[in-house]
Amino acid sequence: MTDDALAPPLPAPRIADESIQLVDARNRPCGSAPRAAMRRYRYWHRATYIVVRNAAGAICVQRRTLTKEVFPGGLDLAAGGVVGAGEAVHLAARRELAEELGIAGVPLRHVLEFVHARGGNHIFGSAYLVDHDGPLRLQEEEVAEAFWCPPDEALALEGVTPDTRQVVERLLETGRLEARA
């Protein structure tokens, strides 16, 4: 018997009933769809990624809850999520940061745009950087735990989600994730 056979089954994923902004392969808006349809048909969509950095240069790593529809129990190196139908990307970033980590009223610095087209995901990502040393208030439906880790050590962790890995790797490559002055 393998270890997997002894492990309890994962809880059923919870897919929010919300309308997602769909885009074409050039990132032009082309309608909307419920989140479940976006996942099922693997539509192109937009998502936000907010890397939260503290004064020591560590980034906030979040463990996803086991009920997340994608990468349950995985490690996110950024807060964020999909952009709602008709929602501006920067407003989606602010909303996601406040929902997931309880961080509001801080400046978001736009740092890069990227494409993530792997594993059935078709995402136009917008990445932001936030400096934050205050407390975190975790959204219990989505974030099981959060901890701080230097970026290179965070990338070495097992179970990092591929899209947030891509963001942090690009930020390191371009020098945009250097320690605060």
C-alpha atoms as a PDB file:
ATOM      1  CA  MET A   1       0.000   0.000   0.000  1.00  0.00           C
ATOM      2  CA  THR A   2       1.356   3.438  -0.915  1.00  0.00           C
ATOM      3  CA  ASP A   3       1.296   6.562   1.205  1.00  0.00           C
ATOM      4  CA  ASP A   4      -1.243   8.021  -1.227  1.00  0.00           C
ATOM      5  CA  ALA A   5      -3.637   5.152  -0.519  1.00  0.00           C
ATOM      6  CA  LEU A   6      -3.506   5.989   3.210  1.00  0.00           C
ATOM      7  CA  ALA A   7      -4.021   9.733   2.737  1.00  0.00           C
ATOM      8  CA  PRO A   8      -7.564  11.013   3.209  1.00  0.00           C
ATOM      9  CA  PRO A   9      -9.194  12.354   0.042  1.00  0.00           C
ATOM     10  CA  LEU A  10      -9.007  16.080  -0.608  1.00  0.00           C
ATOM     11  CA  PRO A  11     -12.183  18.029   0.126  1.00  0.00           C
ATOM     12  CA  ALA A  12     -14.258  18.983  -2.893  1.00  0.00           C
ATOM     13  CA  PRO A  13     -12.996  22.206  -4.461  1.00  0.00           C
ATOM     14  CA  ARG A  14     -15.110  25.319  -4.050  1.00  0.00           C
ATOM     15  CA  ILE A  15     -15.521  27.234  -7.281  1.00  0.00           C
ATOM     16  CA  ALA A  16     -16.835  30.731  -6.693  1.00  0.00           C
ATOM     17  CA  ASP A  17     -19.926  31.685  -8.665  1.00  0.00           C
ATOM     18  CA  GLU A  18     -18.585  34.825 -10.260  1.00  0.00           C
ATOM     19  CA  SER A  19     -18.290  36.232 -13.751  1.00  0.00           C
ATOM     20  CA  ILE A  20     -14.730  36.366 -15.111  1.00  0.00           C
ATOM     21  CA  GLN A  21     -13.375  38.752 -17.753  1.00  0.00           C
ATOM     22  CA  LEU A  22     -12.421  36.716 -20.813  1.00  0.00           C
ATOM     23  CA  VAL A  23      -9.820  37.905 -23.296  1.00  0.00           C
ATOM     24  CA  ASP A  24      -8.592  36.677 -26.649  1.00  0.00           C
ATOM     25  CA  ALA A  25      -5.066  35.427 -27.377  1.00  0.00           C
ATOM     26  CA  ARG A  26      -3.938  39.091 -27.669  1.00  0.00           C
ATOM     27  CA  ASN A  27      -5.410  40.101 -24.291  1.00  0.00           C
ATOM     28  CA  ARG A  28      -8.369  41.970 -25.787  1.00  0.00           C
ATOM     29  CA  PRO A  29     -11.643  41.703 -23.828  1.00  0.00           C
ATOM     30  CA  CYS A  30     -14.079  39.383 -25.611  1.00  0.00           C
ATOM     31  CA  GLY A  31     -16.826  38.680 -23.114  1.00  0.00           C
ATOM     32  CA  SER A  32     -17.279  37.007 -19.790  1.00  0.00           C
ATOM     33  CA  ALA A  33     -18.067  33.594 -18.373  1.00  0.00           C
ATOM     34  CA  PRO A  34     -18.745  31.988 -15.018  1.00  0.00           C
ATOM     35  CA  ARG A  35     -15.549  30.878 -13.287  1.00  0.00           C
ATOM     36  CA  ALA A  36     -16.465  27.179 -13.678  1.00  0.00           C
ATOM     37  CA  ALA A  37     -16.831  27.572 -17.466  1.00  0.00           C
ATOM     38  CA  MET A  38     -13.552  29.520 -17.669  1.00  0.00           C
ATOM     39  CA  ARG A  39     -11.781  26.617 -15.915  1.00  0.00           C
ATOM     40  CA  ARG A  40     -13.576  23.869 -17.837  1.00  0.00           C
ATOM     41  CA  TYR A  41     -12.963  25.327 -21.284  1.00  0.00           C
ATOM     42  CA  ARG A  42      -9.557  26.781 -20.408  1.00  0.00           C
ATOM     43  CA  TYR A  43     -10.412  30.252 -21.674  1.00  0.00           C
ATOM     44  CA  TRP A  44      -7.863  33.036 -21.791  1.00  0.00           C
ATOM     45  CA  HIS A  45      -8.372  35.412 -18.879  1.00  0.00           C
ATOM     46  CA  ARG A  46      -6.557  38.016 -16.801  1.00  0.00           C
ATOM     47  CA  ALA A  47      -5.141  37.557 -13.315  1.00  0.00           C
ATOM     48  CA  THR A  48      -3.288  39.684 -10.793  1.00  0.00           C
ATOM     49  CA  TYR A  49      -0.201  38.779  -8.783  1.00  0.00           C
ATOM     50  CA  ILE A  50       0.881  40.911  -5.830  1.00  0.00           C
ATOM     51  CA  VAL A  51       4.258  40.043  -4.328  1.00  0.00           C
ATOM     52  CA  VAL A  52       4.348  41.275  -0.730  1.00  0.00           C
ATOM     53  CA  ARG A  53       7.828  42.104   0.571  1.00  0.00           C
ATOM     54  CA  ASN A  54       8.888  43.082   4.104  1.00  0.00           C
ATOM     55  CA  ALA A  55      11.746  45.356   5.224  1.00  0.00           C
ATOM     56  CA  ALA A  56      14.122  42.367   5.454  1.00  0.00           C
ATOM     57  CA  GLY A  57      13.511  41.582   1.756  1.00  0.00           C
ATOM     58  CA  ALA A  58      11.517  38.410   2.482  1.00  0.00           C
ATOM     59  CA  ILE A  59       8.326  37.728   0.561  1.00  0.00           C
ATOM     60  CA  CYS A  60       5.016  36.503   1.921  1.00  0.00           C
ATOM     61  CA  VAL A  61       4.365  32.859   1.026  1.00  0.00           C
ATOM     62  CA  GLN A  62       0.795  31.593   1.324  1.00  0.00           C
ATOM     63  CA  ARG A  63      -0.333  27.986   1.604  1.00  0.00           C
ATOM     64  CA  ARG A  64      -3.533  27.524  -0.373  1.00  0.00           C
ATOM     65  CA  THR A  65      -6.451  25.813   1.330  1.00  0.00           C
ATOM     66  CA  LEU A  66      -7.306  22.282   0.266  1.00  0.00           C
ATOM     67  CA  THR A  67     -10.592  23.506  -1.216  1.00  0.00           C
ATOM     68  CA  LYS A  68      -8.962  25.737  -3.856  1.00  0.00           C
ATOM     69  CA  GLU A  69     -10.010  24.592  -7.340  1.00  0.00           C
ATOM     70  CA  VAL A  70      -6.464  24.910  -8.722  1.00  0.00           C
ATOM     71  CA  PHE A  71      -3.324  23.715  -6.885  1.00  0.00           C
ATOM     72  CA  PRO A  72      -5.065  22.839  -3.580  1.00  0.00           C
ATOM     73  CA  GLY A  73      -2.573  22.965  -0.705  1.00  0.00           C
ATOM     74  CA  GLY A  74       0.076  24.544  -2.940  1.00  0.00           C
ATOM     75  CA  LEU A  75       2.307  27.486  -2.060  1.00  0.00           C
ATOM     76  CA  ASP A  76       1.655  30.892  -3.605  1.00  0.00           C
ATOM     77  CA  LEU A  77       4.510  33.392  -3.766  1.00  0.00           C
ATOM     78  CA  ALA A  78       2.034  36.191  -4.474  1.00  0.00           C
ATOM     79  CA  ALA A  79      -1.465  37.188  -3.473  1.00  0.00           C
ATOM     80  CA  GLY A  80      -3.908  37.657  -6.306  1.00  0.00           C
ATOM     81  CA  GLY A  81      -6.517  36.065  -8.480  1.00  0.00           C
ATOM     82  CA  VAL A  82      -8.632  36.309 -11.580  1.00  0.00           C
ATOM     83  CA  VAL A  83     -10.051  39.606 -12.813  1.00  0.00           C
ATOM     84  CA  GLY A  84     -13.824  39.911 -12.699  1.00  0.00           C
ATOM     85  CA  ALA A  85     -15.941  40.815 -15.721  1.00  0.00           C
ATOM     86  CA  GLY A  86     -15.599  44.539 -16.421  1.00  0.00           C
ATOM     87  CA  GLU A  87     -13.127  44.986 -13.533  1.00  0.00           C
ATOM     88  CA  ALA A  88      -9.979  47.088 -13.986  1.00  0.00           C
ATOM     89  CA  VAL A  89      -6.829  45.035 -13.386  1.00  0.00           C
ATOM     90  CA  HIS A  90      -5.350  47.401 -10.769  1.00  0.00           C
ATOM     91  CA  LEU A  91      -8.643  47.392  -8.848  1.00  0.00           C
ATOM     92  CA  ALA A  92      -8.705  43.583  -8.953  1.00  0.00           C
ATOM     93  CA  ALA A  93      -5.175  43.591  -7.499  1.00  0.00           C
ATOM     94  CA  ARG A  94      -6.232  45.864  -4.626  1.00  0.00           C
ATOM     95  CA  ARG A  95      -9.332  43.744  -3.984  1.00  0.00           C
ATOM     96  CA  GLU A  96      -7.413  40.453  -3.950  1.00  0.00           C
ATOM     97  CA  LEU A  97      -4.695  41.824  -1.644  1.00  0.00           C
ATOM     98  CA  ALA A  98      -7.291  43.061   0.838  1.00  0.00           C
ATOM     99  CA  GLU A  99      -9.333  39.841   0.667  1.00  0.00           C
ATOM    100  CA  GLU A 100      -6.473  37.345   0.989  1.00  0.00           C
ATOM    101  CA  LEU A 101      -4.079  39.102   3.361  1.00  0.00           C
ATOM    102  CA  GLY A 102      -6.061  41.995   4.829  1.00  0.00           C
ATOM    103  CA  ILE A 103      -3.660  44.566   3.361  1.00  0.00           C
ATOM    104  CA  ALA A 104      -5.358  47.768   2.218  1.00  0.00           C
ATOM    105  CA  GLY A 105      -4.396  51.382   1.630  1.00  0.00           C
ATOM    106  CA  VAL A 106      -0.803  50.669   0.589  1.00  0.00           C
ATOM    107  CA  PRO A 107       0.763  51.702  -2.716  1.00  0.00           C
ATOM    108  CA  LEU A 108       0.900  48.959  -5.349  1.00  0.00           C
ATOM    109  CA  ARG A 109       3.794  49.251  -7.784  1.00  0.00           C
ATOM    110  CA  HIS A 110       3.137  47.671 -11.182  1.00  0.00           C
ATOM    111  CA  VAL A 111       6.279  45.685 -12.073  1.00  0.00           C
ATOM    112  CA  LEU A 112       5.518  43.468 -15.066  1.00  0.00           C
ATOM    113  CA  GLU A 113       3.091  41.876 -17.481  1.00  0.00           C
ATOM    114  CA  PHE A 114       3.523  38.242 -18.513  1.00  0.00           C
ATOM    115  CA  VAL A 115       1.795  35.291 -20.142  1.00  0.00           C
ATOM    116  CA  HIS A 116       1.322  31.984 -18.360  1.00  0.00           C
ATOM    117  CA  ALA A 117       0.082  29.259 -20.715  1.00  0.00           C
ATOM    118  CA  ARG A 118       0.815  25.952 -19.000  1.00  0.00           C
ATOM    119  CA  GLY A 119      -1.112  23.108 -17.430  1.00  0.00           C
ATOM    120  CA  GLY A 120      -4.406  24.147 -19.007  1.00  0.00           C
ATOM    121  CA  ASN A 121      -4.156  27.721 -17.715  1.00  0.00           C
ATOM    122  CA  HIS A 122      -4.223  30.591 -20.216  1.00  0.00           C
ATOM    123  CA  ILE A 123      -3.431  33.736 -18.259  1.00  0.00           C
ATOM    124  CA  PHE A 124      -2.380  37.286 -19.013  1.00  0.00           C
ATOM    125  CA  GLY A 125      -0.813  38.224 -15.690  1.00  0.00           C
ATOM    126  CA  SER A 126      -0.235  41.651 -14.194  1.00  0.00           C
ATOM    127  CA  ALA A 127       2.290  41.665 -11.353  1.00  0.00           C
ATOM    128  CA  TYR A 128       2.602  44.227  -8.579  1.00  0.00           C
ATOM    129  CA  LEU A 129       4.997  44.703  -5.691  1.00  0.00           C
ATOM    130  CA  VAL A 130       3.924  45.888  -2.239  1.00  0.00           C
ATOM    131  CA  ASP A 131       6.113  46.721   0.741  1.00  0.00           C
ATOM    132  CA  HIS A 132       4.385  45.730   3.972  1.00  0.00           C
ATOM    133  CA  ASP A 133       5.595  45.146   7.521  1.00  0.00           C
ATOM    134  CA  GLY A 134       2.273  45.182   9.317  1.00  0.00           C
ATOM    135  CA  PRO A 135       0.032  42.352  10.397  1.00  0.00           C
ATOM    136  CA  LEU A 136      -1.689  39.975   7.992  1.00  0.00           C
ATOM    137  CA  ARG A 137      -5.346  38.967   8.225  1.00  0.00           C
ATOM    138  CA  LEU A 138      -5.723  35.717   6.290  1.00  0.00           C
ATOM    139  CA  GLN A 139      -8.864  34.843   4.334  1.00  0.00           C
ATOM    140  CA  GLU A 140      -9.669  31.443   5.838  1.00  0.00           C
ATOM    141  CA  GLU A 141     -11.502  30.182   2.720  1.00  0.00           C
ATOM    142  CA  GLU A 142      -8.397  30.631   0.559  1.00  0.00           C
ATOM    143  CA  VAL A 143      -5.272  30.927   2.735  1.00  0.00           C
ATOM    144  CA  ALA A 144      -4.377  28.157   5.189  1.00  0.00           C
ATOM    145  CA  GLU A 145      -1.212  29.853   6.472  1.00  0.00           C
ATOM    146  CA  ALA A 146       1.318  32.510   5.529  1.00  0.00           C
ATOM    147  CA  PHE A 147       4.993  32.931   6.324  1.00  0.00           C
ATOM    148  CA  TRP A 148       7.944  35.074   5.249  1.00  0.00           C
ATOM    149  CA  CYS A 149      10.846  33.696   3.250  1.00  0.00           C
ATOM    150  CA  PRO A 150      13.753  35.143   1.194  1.00  0.00           C
ATOM    151  CA  PRO A 151      12.827  34.943  -2.513  1.00  0.00           C
ATOM    152  CA  ASP A 152      15.521  32.402  -3.446  1.00  0.00           C
ATOM    153  CA  GLU A 153      14.482  30.125  -0.574  1.00  0.00           C
ATOM    154  CA  ALA A 154      10.820  30.544  -1.500  1.00  0.00           C
ATOM    155  CA  LEU A 155      11.583  29.363  -5.035  1.00  0.00           C
ATOM    156  CA  ALA A 156      13.277  26.253  -3.606  1.00  0.00           C
ATOM    157  CA  LEU A 157      10.181  25.195  -1.657  1.00  0.00           C
ATOM    158  CA  GLU A 158       8.234  22.154  -2.843  1.00  0.00           C
ATOM    159  CA  GLY A 159       4.728  22.752  -4.110  1.00  0.00           C
ATOM    160  CA  VAL A 160       5.119  26.332  -5.385  1.00  0.00           C
ATOM    161  CA  THR A 161       2.397  27.170  -7.897  1.00  0.00           C
ATOM    162  CA  PRO A 162       3.876  27.528 -11.400  1.00  0.00           C
ATOM    163  CA  ASP A 163       2.369  30.933 -12.168  1.00  0.00           C
ATOM    164  CA  THR A 164       3.610  32.592  -8.956  1.00  0.00           C
ATOM    165  CA  ARG A 165       6.998  30.893  -9.467  1.00  0.00           C
ATOM    166  CA  GLN A 166       7.146  32.498 -12.916  1.00  0.00           C
ATOM    167  CA  VAL A 167       6.436  35.942 -11.423  1.00  0.00           C
ATOM    168  CA  VAL A 168       9.124  35.759  -8.721  1.00  0.00           C
ATOM    169  CA  GLU A 169      11.704  34.323 -11.142  1.00  0.00           C
ATOM    170  CA  ARG A 170      11.053  37.197 -13.568  1.00  0.00           C
ATOM    171  CA  LEU A 171      11.252  39.791 -10.785  1.00  0.00           C
ATOM    172  CA  LEU A 172      14.608  38.375  -9.654  1.00  0.00           C
ATOM    173  CA  GLU A 173      15.920  38.193 -13.249  1.00  0.00           C
ATOM    174  CA  THR A 174      15.049  41.844 -13.839  1.00  0.00           C
ATOM    175  CA  GLY A 175      16.360  43.075 -10.463  1.00  0.00           C
ATOM    176  CA  ARG A 176      12.940  44.315  -9.367  1.00  0.00           C
ATOM    177  CA  LEU A 177      12.888  42.248  -6.190  1.00  0.00           C
ATOM    178  CA  GLU A 178      16.037  43.582  -4.585  1.00  0.00           C
ATOM    179  CA  ALA A 179      15.965  44.404  -0.858  1.00  0.00           C
ATOM    180  CA  ARG A 180      14.366  47.732   0.060  1.00  0.00           C
ATOM    181  CA  ALA A 181      16.686  50.658   0.517  1.00  0.00           C
END
